[in-house]
Each structure stands twice: as C-alpha cells, then as structure tokens.
C-alpha cells in the first residue's frame, strides 16, 4: 500500500477532505448530551408563557362549526 505522502497533492487534498468528513461523522454518535440545570431552566422559561386557562365545559368556547351533528345536539 502506498503512503499518502507519495501521492500527488491533488489526491492528498481529497484524502484530507474525506478523512475530515469521516472524523466528523464518527464524532456524532446520535445520542443526546446530558443537559445541565441551566439548560433545563432555560427551556422551562421558554414554555412558561402566560397561558390562559380554558374551561373545556364552557359552551361559549366551543366552535360549533367543527362539532359533529350528534355532539351539537348535546349542547342544544
């Protein structure tokens, strides 16, 4: 087998690119990294928006155009 250094520079460059791509793929194993407490708190703060509580039994909150005829009869 030939040594890489004995190949023309063009092939050495191609080899270097392929080696870098392979190393990058091998570095990513598809697993998740461990989240720190700060990471978790940051994510939680993103979801802590002011959400209005909805009373699901409130007839005024139900769009009757999206309710089936049999369900519509229940609310009449």
C-alpha atoms as a PDB file:
ATOM      1  CA  UNK A   1       0.000   0.000   0.000  1.00  0.00           C
ATOM      2  CA  UNK A   2       1.302   3.447  -0.915  1.00  0.00           C
ATOM      3  CA  UNK A   3       1.949   6.135   1.620  1.00  0.00           C
ATOM      4  CA  UNK A   4      -0.371   9.139   1.298  1.00  0.00           C
ATOM      5  CA  UNK A   5       2.626  11.488   1.154  1.00  0.00           C
ATOM      6  CA  UNK A   6       3.803   9.786  -2.057  1.00  0.00           C
ATOM      7  CA  UNK A   7       0.580  10.671  -3.912  1.00  0.00           C
ATOM      8  CA  UNK A   8       0.128  13.890  -5.907  1.00  0.00           C
ATOM      9  CA  UNK A   9      -1.059  16.905  -3.872  1.00  0.00           C
ATOM     10  CA  UNK A  10      -4.496  16.776  -5.527  1.00  0.00           C
ATOM     11  CA  UNK A  11      -5.108  13.277  -4.131  1.00  0.00           C
ATOM     12  CA  UNK A  12      -3.700  14.236  -0.748  1.00  0.00           C
ATOM     13  CA  UNK A  13      -6.247  17.078  -0.585  1.00  0.00           C
ATOM     14  CA  UNK A  14      -9.111  14.735  -1.495  1.00  0.00           C
ATOM     15  CA  UNK A  15      -7.919  12.256   1.143  1.00  0.00           C
ATOM     16  CA  UNK A  16      -7.747  15.026   3.756  1.00  0.00           C
ATOM     17  CA  UNK A  17     -11.317  16.120   2.948  1.00  0.00           C
ATOM     18  CA  UNK A  18     -12.663  12.571   3.136  1.00  0.00           C
ATOM     19  CA  UNK A  19     -10.784  11.938   6.380  1.00  0.00           C
ATOM     20  CA  UNK A  20     -12.224  15.140   7.905  1.00  0.00           C
ATOM     21  CA  UNK A  21     -15.762  14.117   6.883  1.00  0.00           C
ATOM     22  CA  UNK A  22     -15.285  10.634   8.314  1.00  0.00           C
ATOM     23  CA  UNK A  23     -13.927  12.033  11.588  1.00  0.00           C
ATOM     24  CA  UNK A  24     -16.893  14.408  11.835  1.00  0.00           C
ATOM     25  CA  UNK A  25     -19.370  11.562  11.281  1.00  0.00           C
ATOM     26  CA  UNK A  26     -17.625   9.366  13.837  1.00  0.00           C
ATOM     27  CA  UNK A  27     -17.729  12.154  16.406  1.00  0.00           C
ATOM     28  CA  UNK A  28     -21.534  12.277  16.183  1.00  0.00           C
ATOM     29  CA  UNK A  29     -22.983   9.143  17.728  1.00  0.00           C
ATOM     30  CA  UNK A  30     -26.634  10.202  17.687  1.00  0.00           C
ATOM     31  CA  UNK A  31     -27.041  10.264  21.440  1.00  0.00           C
ATOM     32  CA  UNK A  32     -28.140  13.243  23.441  1.00  0.00           C
ATOM     33  CA  UNK A  33     -25.779  15.090  25.676  1.00  0.00           C
ATOM     34  CA  UNK A  34     -26.502  15.497  29.362  1.00  0.00           C
ATOM     35  CA  UNK A  35     -28.459  18.685  29.991  1.00  0.00           C
ATOM     36  CA  UNK A  36     -27.328  20.965  32.770  1.00  0.00           C
ATOM     37  CA  UNK A  37     -29.731  22.506  35.282  1.00  0.00           C
ATOM     38  CA  UNK A  38     -29.301  25.837  33.488  1.00  0.00           C
ATOM     39  CA  UNK A  39     -30.274  24.252  30.152  1.00  0.00           C
ATOM     40  CA  UNK A  40     -33.390  22.768  31.690  1.00  0.00           C
ATOM     41  CA  UNK A  41     -34.345  26.059  33.353  1.00  0.00           C
ATOM     42  CA  UNK A  42     -33.841  27.954  30.078  1.00  0.00           C
ATOM     43  CA  UNK A  43     -36.143  25.543  28.253  1.00  0.00           C
ATOM     44  CA  UNK A  44     -38.688  25.735  31.032  1.00  0.00           C
ATOM     45  CA  UNK A  45     -38.668  29.524  30.881  1.00  0.00           C
ATOM     46  CA  UNK A  46     -39.425  29.344  27.168  1.00  0.00           C
ATOM     47  CA  UNK A  47     -42.574  27.352  27.909  1.00  0.00           C
ATOM     48  CA  UNK A  48     -43.683  29.433  30.900  1.00  0.00           C
ATOM     49  CA  UNK A  49     -45.622  31.841  28.722  1.00  0.00           C
ATOM     50  CA  UNK A  50     -48.845  33.220  30.111  1.00  0.00           C
ATOM     51  CA  UNK A  51     -51.354  30.640  29.003  1.00  0.00           C
ATOM     52  CA  UNK A  52     -54.982  31.408  29.567  1.00  0.00           C
ATOM     53  CA  UNK A  53     -56.801  28.575  31.268  1.00  0.00           C
ATOM     54  CA  UNK A  54     -59.677  27.305  29.154  1.00  0.00           C
ATOM     55  CA  UNK A  55     -62.776  25.787  30.664  1.00  0.00           C
ATOM     56  CA  UNK A  56     -63.430  22.890  28.318  1.00  0.00           C
ATOM     57  CA  UNK A  57     -67.028  22.620  29.517  1.00  0.00           C
ATOM     58  CA  UNK A  58     -67.826  26.234  28.594  1.00  0.00           C
ATOM     59  CA  UNK A  59     -70.247  26.195  25.662  1.00  0.00           C
ATOM     60  CA  UNK A  60     -69.054  29.648  24.587  1.00  0.00           C
ATOM     61  CA  UNK A  61     -65.557  28.274  23.972  1.00  0.00           C
ATOM     62  CA  UNK A  62     -66.691  25.564  21.529  1.00  0.00           C
ATOM     63  CA  UNK A  63     -66.732  26.328  17.811  1.00  0.00           C
ATOM     64  CA  UNK A  64     -69.949  24.613  16.793  1.00  0.00           C
ATOM     65  CA  UNK A  65     -68.949  24.517  13.107  1.00  0.00           C
ATOM     66  CA  UNK A  66     -66.310  21.883  13.964  1.00  0.00           C
ATOM     67  CA  UNK A  67     -68.606  19.712  16.077  1.00  0.00           C
ATOM     68  CA  UNK A  68     -70.450  16.730  14.623  1.00  0.00           C
ATOM     69  CA  UNK A  69     -74.266  16.905  14.444  1.00  0.00           C
ATOM     70  CA  UNK A  70     -74.656  14.346  17.235  1.00  0.00           C
ATOM     71  CA  UNK A  71     -72.353  16.352  19.530  1.00  0.00           C
ATOM     72  CA  UNK A  72     -74.111  19.572  18.531  1.00  0.00           C
ATOM     73  CA  UNK A  73     -77.391  18.063  19.778  1.00  0.00           C
ATOM     74  CA  UNK A  74     -75.830  17.544  23.230  1.00  0.00           C
ATOM     75  CA  UNK A  75     -75.198  21.281  23.582  1.00  0.00           C
ATOM     76  CA  UNK A  76     -78.700  22.356  22.472  1.00  0.00           C
END
